[in-house]
Amino acid sequence: MEKSIESIWNKGFLKSDALVAPKLNDLYNQKSIDIVEKFKRMYRLNVNGLVVFTAVFLPVTYFVQIPYMGIMLSVVFLSTAYAGSKFQKKLNAIDKTSDTYQYLQSFDKWTKEIVRWNEKRSRYMFSYVFISMAVGFWFGGIGGDIPGQDLMTELLRRYPDLAQVFGVPLVALLGAILIVILLSVFGPRIGKLDLNIVYGPILQRLERLLIEMEQLRA
């Protein structure tokens, strides 16, 4: 039978010949259990929540006449959930036969891999989200009037000499390109901020705990 997380901590995190009071050992074991279990619970809820949210979000966008945006954004949500499930499998595959300190080191390495992946993905994701929203509002519902064309008709009525590129106002296209570039440049920072809002406190606790345990093992 696969060992539970609690059974890992029964080994303690110090070397077998280390002279440390059992109460201190138990204290750090309990801290470790609390951090890992809380993170795993939050991560599982977030991954499953994305799938549930997509199942609700997609039909709603159809009824409010922005289905193209709904479809494009659902790709982001589901791909994120899929990647999250793969990371979840990696977390569950961490060696549970090691002692507490080694397990926490592996867990810390896993969280850093998540952070790197999130920053890399954020460089493109926020630009894609912006494009999805622009496409959704421009094309509107399926089979109905196209709001973007109606807007262009009104703009051309007011400004007959308005410069266009592929039926889109040049100034709007240049503005959209600028926004995409800015989102690409600042995307990793935005992604890091988003990750810190959700998991920051737990990751900080993990970092402090590892530093304390390293000091005790020295």
C-alpha atoms as a PDB file:
ATOM      1  CA  MET A   1       0.000   0.000   0.000  1.00  0.00           C
ATOM      2  CA  GLU A   2       1.278   3.449  -0.903  1.00  0.00           C
ATOM      3  CA  LYS A   3       2.459   5.405   2.088  1.00  0.00           C
ATOM      4  CA  SER A   4       0.418   8.405   3.162  1.00  0.00           C
ATOM      5  CA  ILE A   5       2.004  11.817   3.596  1.00  0.00           C
ATOM      6  CA  GLU A   6       1.666  11.466   7.364  1.00  0.00           C
ATOM      7  CA  SER A   7       3.794   8.322   7.297  1.00  0.00           C
ATOM      8  CA  ILE A   8       6.627  10.290   5.713  1.00  0.00           C
ATOM      9  CA  TRP A   9       6.760  12.656   8.640  1.00  0.00           C
ATOM     10  CA  ASN A  10       6.921   9.796  11.128  1.00  0.00           C
ATOM     11  CA  LYS A  11      10.528   9.392   9.988  1.00  0.00           C
ATOM     12  CA  GLY A  12      11.357  12.947  10.881  1.00  0.00           C
ATOM     13  CA  PHE A  13      13.612  15.222   8.900  1.00  0.00           C
ATOM     14  CA  LEU A  14      16.901  14.925  10.766  1.00  0.00           C
ATOM     15  CA  LYS A  15      19.576  12.276  10.463  1.00  0.00           C
ATOM     16  CA  SER A  16      19.092   9.273  12.640  1.00  0.00           C
ATOM     17  CA  ASP A  17      22.133  10.153  14.747  1.00  0.00           C
ATOM     18  CA  ALA A  18      21.110  13.769  15.307  1.00  0.00           C
ATOM     19  CA  LEU A  19      20.399  14.710  18.928  1.00  0.00           C
ATOM     20  CA  VAL A  20      17.262  16.846  18.707  1.00  0.00           C
ATOM     21  CA  ALA A  21      14.373  16.963  21.137  1.00  0.00           C
ATOM     22  CA  PRO A  22      11.436  14.876  19.848  1.00  0.00           C
ATOM     23  CA  LYS A  23       9.012  17.751  20.475  1.00  0.00           C
ATOM     24  CA  LEU A  24      11.005  19.998  18.133  1.00  0.00           C
ATOM     25  CA  ASN A  25      11.065  17.271  15.508  1.00  0.00           C
ATOM     26  CA  ASP A  26       7.304  16.790  15.836  1.00  0.00           C
ATOM     27  CA  LEU A  27       6.748  20.537  15.539  1.00  0.00           C
ATOM     28  CA  TYR A  28       8.484  20.737  12.178  1.00  0.00           C
ATOM     29  CA  ASN A  29       6.811  17.551  11.008  1.00  0.00           C
ATOM     30  CA  GLN A  30       3.397  19.053  11.745  1.00  0.00           C
ATOM     31  CA  LYS A  31       4.312  22.311  10.013  1.00  0.00           C
ATOM     32  CA  SER A  32       5.358  20.335   6.950  1.00  0.00           C
ATOM     33  CA  ILE A  33       2.130  18.330   6.872  1.00  0.00           C
ATOM     34  CA  ASP A  34       0.081  21.524   7.142  1.00  0.00           C
ATOM     35  CA  ILE A  35       1.893  23.256   4.261  1.00  0.00           C
ATOM     36  CA  VAL A  36       1.839  20.335   1.816  1.00  0.00           C
ATOM     37  CA  GLU A  37      -1.748  19.299   2.519  1.00  0.00           C
ATOM     38  CA  LYS A  38      -3.028  22.871   2.240  1.00  0.00           C
ATOM     39  CA  PHE A  39      -1.224  23.425  -1.057  1.00  0.00           C
ATOM     40  CA  LYS A  40      -2.420  20.135  -2.539  1.00  0.00           C
ATOM     41  CA  ARG A  41      -5.996  20.893  -1.502  1.00  0.00           C
ATOM     42  CA  MET A  42      -5.915  24.396  -3.026  1.00  0.00           C
ATOM     43  CA  TYR A  43      -4.235  23.179  -6.195  1.00  0.00           C
ATOM     44  CA  ARG A  44      -6.759  20.382  -6.689  1.00  0.00           C
ATOM     45  CA  LEU A  45      -9.672  22.789  -6.167  1.00  0.00           C
ATOM     46  CA  ASN A  46      -8.225  25.265  -8.670  1.00  0.00           C
ATOM     47  CA  VAL A  47      -7.696  22.633 -11.368  1.00  0.00           C
ATOM     48  CA  ASN A  48     -11.168  21.152 -10.929  1.00  0.00           C
ATOM     49  CA  GLY A  49     -12.642  24.637 -10.628  1.00  0.00           C
ATOM     50  CA  LEU A  50     -11.323  25.593 -14.052  1.00  0.00           C
ATOM     51  CA  VAL A  51     -13.142  22.666 -15.651  1.00  0.00           C
ATOM     52  CA  VAL A  52     -16.408  23.466 -13.864  1.00  0.00           C
ATOM     53  CA  PHE A  53     -16.079  27.173 -14.672  1.00  0.00           C
ATOM     54  CA  THR A  54     -15.540  26.416 -18.366  1.00  0.00           C
ATOM     55  CA  ALA A  55     -18.631  24.197 -18.447  1.00  0.00           C
ATOM     56  CA  VAL A  56     -20.685  27.159 -17.184  1.00  0.00           C
ATOM     57  CA  PHE A  57     -18.829  29.950 -18.986  1.00  0.00           C
ATOM     58  CA  LEU A  58     -19.095  28.559 -22.520  1.00  0.00           C
ATOM     59  CA  PRO A  59     -22.917  28.319 -22.741  1.00  0.00           C
ATOM     60  CA  VAL A  60     -23.275  31.692 -21.011  1.00  0.00           C
ATOM     61  CA  THR A  61     -21.170  33.384 -23.702  1.00  0.00           C
ATOM     62  CA  TYR A  62     -23.434  31.842 -26.343  1.00  0.00           C
ATOM     63  CA  PHE A  63     -26.572  33.290 -24.766  1.00  0.00           C
ATOM     64  CA  VAL A  64     -25.032  36.763 -24.348  1.00  0.00           C
ATOM     65  CA  GLN A  65     -23.936  36.777 -28.000  1.00  0.00           C
ATOM     66  CA  ILE A  66     -20.150  36.509 -27.576  1.00  0.00           C
ATOM     67  CA  PRO A  67     -19.599  32.796 -28.385  1.00  0.00           C
ATOM     68  CA  TYR A  68     -16.354  33.314 -30.291  1.00  0.00           C
ATOM     69  CA  MET A  69     -14.772  34.809 -27.203  1.00  0.00           C
ATOM     70  CA  GLY A  70     -16.208  31.965 -25.130  1.00  0.00           C
ATOM     71  CA  ILE A  71     -14.710  29.316 -27.392  1.00  0.00           C
ATOM     72  CA  MET A  72     -11.293  30.962 -27.535  1.00  0.00           C
ATOM     73  CA  LEU A  73     -11.109  31.566 -23.779  1.00  0.00           C
ATOM     74  CA  SER A  74     -12.334  28.043 -23.045  1.00  0.00           C
ATOM     75  CA  VAL A  75      -9.257  26.775 -24.881  1.00  0.00           C
ATOM     76  CA  VAL A  76      -7.131  28.701 -22.357  1.00  0.00           C
ATOM     77  CA  PHE A  77      -9.073  27.389 -19.348  1.00  0.00           C
ATOM     78  CA  LEU A  78      -9.095  23.748 -20.447  1.00  0.00           C
ATOM     79  CA  SER A  79      -5.454  23.732 -21.552  1.00  0.00           C
ATOM     80  CA  THR A  80      -4.496  25.234 -18.188  1.00  0.00           C
ATOM     81  CA  ALA A  81      -6.538  22.587 -16.380  1.00  0.00           C
ATOM     82  CA  TYR A  82      -4.916  19.854 -18.482  1.00  0.00           C
ATOM     83  CA  ALA A  83      -1.421  21.148 -17.709  1.00  0.00           C
ATOM     84  CA  GLY A  84      -2.416  21.433 -14.065  1.00  0.00           C
ATOM     85  CA  SER A  85      -3.515  17.793 -13.977  1.00  0.00           C
ATOM     86  CA  LYS A  86      -0.146  16.741 -15.417  1.00  0.00           C
ATOM     87  CA  PHE A  87       1.670  18.728 -12.736  1.00  0.00           C
ATOM     88  CA  GLN A  88      -0.615  17.129 -10.170  1.00  0.00           C
ATOM     89  CA  LYS A  89       0.507  13.688 -11.322  1.00  0.00           C
ATOM     90  CA  LYS A  90       4.133  14.780 -10.952  1.00  0.00           C
ATOM     91  CA  LEU A  91       3.394  15.921  -7.407  1.00  0.00           C
ATOM     92  CA  ASN A  92       1.788  12.593  -6.524  1.00  0.00           C
ATOM     93  CA  ALA A  93       4.797  10.796  -8.023  1.00  0.00           C
ATOM     94  CA  ILE A  94       7.285  12.431  -5.641  1.00  0.00           C
ATOM     95  CA  ASP A  95       9.141   9.747  -3.693  1.00  0.00           C
ATOM     96  CA  LYS A  96       7.217   9.148  -0.468  1.00  0.00           C
ATOM     97  CA  THR A  97       9.849   6.827   0.962  1.00  0.00           C
ATOM     98  CA  SER A  98      12.270   9.689   1.653  1.00  0.00           C
ATOM     99  CA  ASP A  99      12.412  11.547   4.946  1.00  0.00           C
ATOM    100  CA  THR A 100      10.520  14.764   5.590  1.00  0.00           C
ATOM    101  CA  TYR A 101      13.333  17.114   4.623  1.00  0.00           C
ATOM    102  CA  GLN A 102      14.041  15.345   1.317  1.00  0.00           C
ATOM    103  CA  TYR A 103      10.339  15.233   0.515  1.00  0.00           C
ATOM    104  CA  LEU A 104      10.011  18.973   1.147  1.00  0.00           C
ATOM    105  CA  GLN A 105      13.010  19.638  -1.072  1.00  0.00           C
ATOM    106  CA  SER A 106      11.346  17.672  -3.873  1.00  0.00           C
ATOM    107  CA  PHE A 107       8.097  19.509  -3.230  1.00  0.00           C
ATOM    108  CA  ASP A 108       9.914  22.854  -3.356  1.00  0.00           C
ATOM    109  CA  LYS A 109      11.549  21.864  -6.668  1.00  0.00           C
ATOM    110  CA  TRP A 110       8.099  20.987  -8.025  1.00  0.00           C
ATOM    111  CA  THR A 111       6.631  24.357  -6.999  1.00  0.00           C
ATOM    112  CA  LYS A 112       9.529  26.188  -8.684  1.00  0.00           C
ATOM    113  CA  GLU A 113       8.805  24.244 -11.873  1.00  0.00           C
ATOM    114  CA  ILE A 114       5.197  25.437 -11.664  1.00  0.00           C
ATOM    115  CA  VAL A 115       6.372  29.049 -11.256  1.00  0.00           C
ATOM    116  CA  ARG A 116       8.682  28.838 -14.288  1.00  0.00           C
ATOM    117  CA  TRP A 117       5.945  27.292 -16.423  1.00  0.00           C
ATOM    118  CA  ASN A 118       3.439  29.933 -15.330  1.00  0.00           C
ATOM    119  CA  GLU A 119       5.805  32.790 -16.186  1.00  0.00           C
ATOM    120  CA  LYS A 120       6.576  31.311 -19.604  1.00  0.00           C
ATOM    121  CA  ARG A 121       2.891  30.744 -20.376  1.00  0.00           C
ATOM    122  CA  SER A 122       1.934  34.235 -19.193  1.00  0.00           C
ATOM    123  CA  ARG A 123       4.116  35.801 -21.883  1.00  0.00           C
ATOM    124  CA  TYR A 124       1.585  34.623 -24.468  1.00  0.00           C
ATOM    125  CA  MET A 125      -1.601  33.931 -22.523  1.00  0.00           C
ATOM    126  CA  PHE A 126      -2.626  37.494 -21.649  1.00  0.00           C
ATOM    127  CA  SER A 127      -2.102  38.620 -25.245  1.00  0.00           C
ATOM    128  CA  TYR A 128      -4.256  35.701 -26.379  1.00  0.00           C
ATOM    129  CA  VAL A 129      -6.959  36.630 -23.852  1.00  0.00           C
ATOM    130  CA  PHE A 130      -6.997  40.207 -25.141  1.00  0.00           C
ATOM    131  CA  ILE A 131      -7.276  39.020 -28.762  1.00  0.00           C
ATOM    132  CA  SER A 132     -10.073  36.619 -27.755  1.00  0.00           C
ATOM    133  CA  MET A 133     -12.045  39.435 -26.165  1.00  0.00           C
ATOM    134  CA  ALA A 134     -11.524  41.716 -29.167  1.00  0.00           C
ATOM    135  CA  VAL A 135     -12.631  38.981 -31.585  1.00  0.00           C
ATOM    136  CA  GLY A 136     -15.636  38.142 -29.406  1.00  0.00           C
ATOM    137  CA  PHE A 137     -16.932  41.696 -29.236  1.00  0.00           C
ATOM    138  CA  TRP A 138     -16.180  42.373 -32.922  1.00  0.00           C
ATOM    139  CA  PHE A 139     -18.005  39.335 -34.375  1.00  0.00           C
ATOM    140  CA  GLY A 140     -20.796  39.046 -31.781  1.00  0.00           C
ATOM    141  CA  GLY A 141     -23.178  36.109 -32.030  1.00  0.00           C
ATOM    142  CA  ILE A 142     -23.162  33.250 -34.519  1.00  0.00           C
ATOM    143  CA  GLY A 143     -25.303  33.908 -37.577  1.00  0.00           C
ATOM    144  CA  GLY A 144     -26.389  37.385 -36.510  1.00  0.00           C
ATOM    145  CA  ASP A 145     -25.284  40.910 -37.220  1.00  0.00           C
ATOM    146  CA  ILE A 146     -21.590  41.633 -36.790  1.00  0.00           C
ATOM    147  CA  PRO A 147     -21.162  44.454 -34.230  1.00  0.00           C
ATOM    148  CA  GLY A 148     -17.745  45.353 -35.625  1.00  0.00           C
ATOM    149  CA  GLN A 149     -19.155  46.010 -39.083  1.00  0.00           C
ATOM    150  CA  ASP A 150     -21.987  48.071 -37.622  1.00  0.00           C
ATOM    151  CA  LEU A 151     -19.419  50.109 -35.721  1.00  0.00           C
ATOM    152  CA  MET A 152     -17.357  50.640 -38.877  1.00  0.00           C
ATOM    153  CA  THR A 153     -20.435  51.787 -40.796  1.00  0.00           C
ATOM    154  CA  GLU A 154     -21.139  54.407 -38.141  1.00  0.00           C
ATOM    155  CA  LEU A 155     -17.501  55.533 -37.978  1.00  0.00           C
ATOM    156  CA  LEU A 156     -17.284  55.884 -41.766  1.00  0.00           C
ATOM    157  CA  ARG A 157     -20.481  57.882 -41.768  1.00  0.00           C
ATOM    158  CA  ARG A 158     -18.912  60.320 -39.333  1.00  0.00           C
ATOM    159  CA  TYR A 159     -15.344  60.124 -40.636  1.00  0.00           C
ATOM    160  CA  PRO A 160     -15.413  59.251 -44.354  1.00  0.00           C
ATOM    161  CA  ASP A 161     -11.628  59.528 -44.669  1.00  0.00           C
ATOM    162  CA  LEU A 162     -10.941  57.127 -41.795  1.00  0.00           C
ATOM    163  CA  ALA A 163      -7.870  54.983 -42.584  1.00  0.00           C
ATOM    164  CA  GLN A 164      -8.583  51.238 -42.579  1.00  0.00           C
ATOM    165  CA  VAL A 165      -6.641  47.978 -42.721  1.00  0.00           C
ATOM    166  CA  PHE A 166      -8.679  44.867 -43.582  1.00  0.00           C
ATOM    167  CA  GLY A 167     -11.840  46.715 -42.618  1.00  0.00           C
ATOM    168  CA  VAL A 168     -10.492  47.761 -39.226  1.00  0.00           C
ATOM    169  CA  PRO A 169      -9.629  51.358 -38.285  1.00  0.00           C
ATOM    170  CA  LEU A 170      -5.862  51.794 -38.553  1.00  0.00           C
ATOM    171  CA  VAL A 171      -5.651  53.606 -35.231  1.00  0.00           C
ATOM    172  CA  ALA A 172      -7.560  50.772 -33.503  1.00  0.00           C
ATOM    173  CA  LEU A 173      -5.326  48.156 -35.104  1.00  0.00           C
ATOM    174  CA  LEU A 174      -2.161  49.975 -34.035  1.00  0.00           C
ATOM    175  CA  GLY A 175      -3.551  50.344 -30.516  1.00  0.00           C
ATOM    176  CA  ALA A 176      -4.353  46.630 -30.360  1.00  0.00           C
ATOM    177  CA  ILE A 177      -0.853  45.718 -31.556  1.00  0.00           C
ATOM    178  CA  LEU A 178       0.644  47.961 -28.875  1.00  0.00           C
ATOM    179  CA  ILE A 179      -1.482  46.324 -26.178  1.00  0.00           C
ATOM    180  CA  VAL A 180      -0.471  42.840 -27.378  1.00  0.00           C
ATOM    181  CA  ILE A 181       3.214  43.808 -27.240  1.00  0.00           C
ATOM    182  CA  LEU A 182       2.867  45.298 -23.754  1.00  0.00           C
ATOM    183  CA  LEU A 183       1.008  42.224 -22.486  1.00  0.00           C
ATOM    184  CA  SER A 184       3.727  40.014 -23.939  1.00  0.00           C
ATOM    185  CA  VAL A 185       6.454  42.038 -22.212  1.00  0.00           C
ATOM    186  CA  PHE A 186       4.726  42.358 -18.840  1.00  0.00           C
ATOM    187  CA  GLY A 187       2.878  39.025 -19.005  1.00  0.00           C
ATOM    188  CA  PRO A 188       5.391  37.118 -16.837  1.00  0.00           C
ATOM    189  CA  ARG A 189       5.118  39.774 -14.109  1.00  0.00           C
ATOM    190  CA  ILE A 190       1.334  39.673 -14.245  1.00  0.00           C
ATOM    191  CA  GLY A 191       1.425  35.873 -14.086  1.00  0.00           C
ATOM    192  CA  LYS A 192       3.777  35.957 -11.118  1.00  0.00           C
ATOM    193  CA  LEU A 193       1.517  38.432  -9.319  1.00  0.00           C
ATOM    194  CA  ASP A 194      -1.489  36.201  -9.990  1.00  0.00           C
ATOM    195  CA  LEU A 195       0.358  33.156  -8.669  1.00  0.00           C
ATOM    196  CA  ASN A 196       1.488  35.025  -5.558  1.00  0.00           C
ATOM    197  CA  ILE A 197      -2.074  36.091  -4.796  1.00  0.00           C
ATOM    198  CA  VAL A 198      -3.250  32.473  -4.821  1.00  0.00           C
ATOM    199  CA  TYR A 199      -0.251  30.509  -3.520  1.00  0.00           C
ATOM    200  CA  GLY A 200       2.172  33.170  -2.281  1.00  0.00           C
ATOM    201  CA  PRO A 201       1.583  32.751   1.481  1.00  0.00           C
ATOM    202  CA  ILE A 202       1.995  28.959   1.296  1.00  0.00           C
ATOM    203  CA  LEU A 203       5.138  29.154  -0.846  1.00  0.00           C
ATOM    204  CA  GLN A 204       6.647  31.699   1.541  1.00  0.00           C
ATOM    205  CA  ARG A 205       5.919  29.399   4.483  1.00  0.00           C
ATOM    206  CA  LEU A 206       7.574  26.544   2.622  1.00  0.00           C
ATOM    207  CA  GLU A 207      10.679  28.629   1.923  1.00  0.00           C
ATOM    208  CA  ARG A 208      10.982  29.736   5.561  1.00  0.00           C
ATOM    209  CA  LEU A 209      10.475  26.189   6.811  1.00  0.00           C
ATOM    210  CA  LEU A 210      13.194  24.794   4.552  1.00  0.00           C
ATOM    211  CA  ILE A 211      15.626  27.486   5.715  1.00  0.00           C
ATOM    212  CA  GLU A 212      14.916  26.640   9.376  1.00  0.00           C
ATOM    213  CA  MET A 213      15.304  22.921   8.746  1.00  0.00           C
ATOM    214  CA  GLU A 214      18.573  23.447   6.881  1.00  0.00           C
ATOM    215  CA  GLN A 215      19.886  25.448   9.826  1.00  0.00           C
ATOM    216  CA  LEU A 216      18.940  22.651  12.210  1.00  0.00           C
ATOM    217  CA  ARG A 217      20.590  20.024  10.034  1.00  0.00           C
ATOM    218  CA  ALA A 218      23.838  22.016   9.745  1.00  0.00           C
END
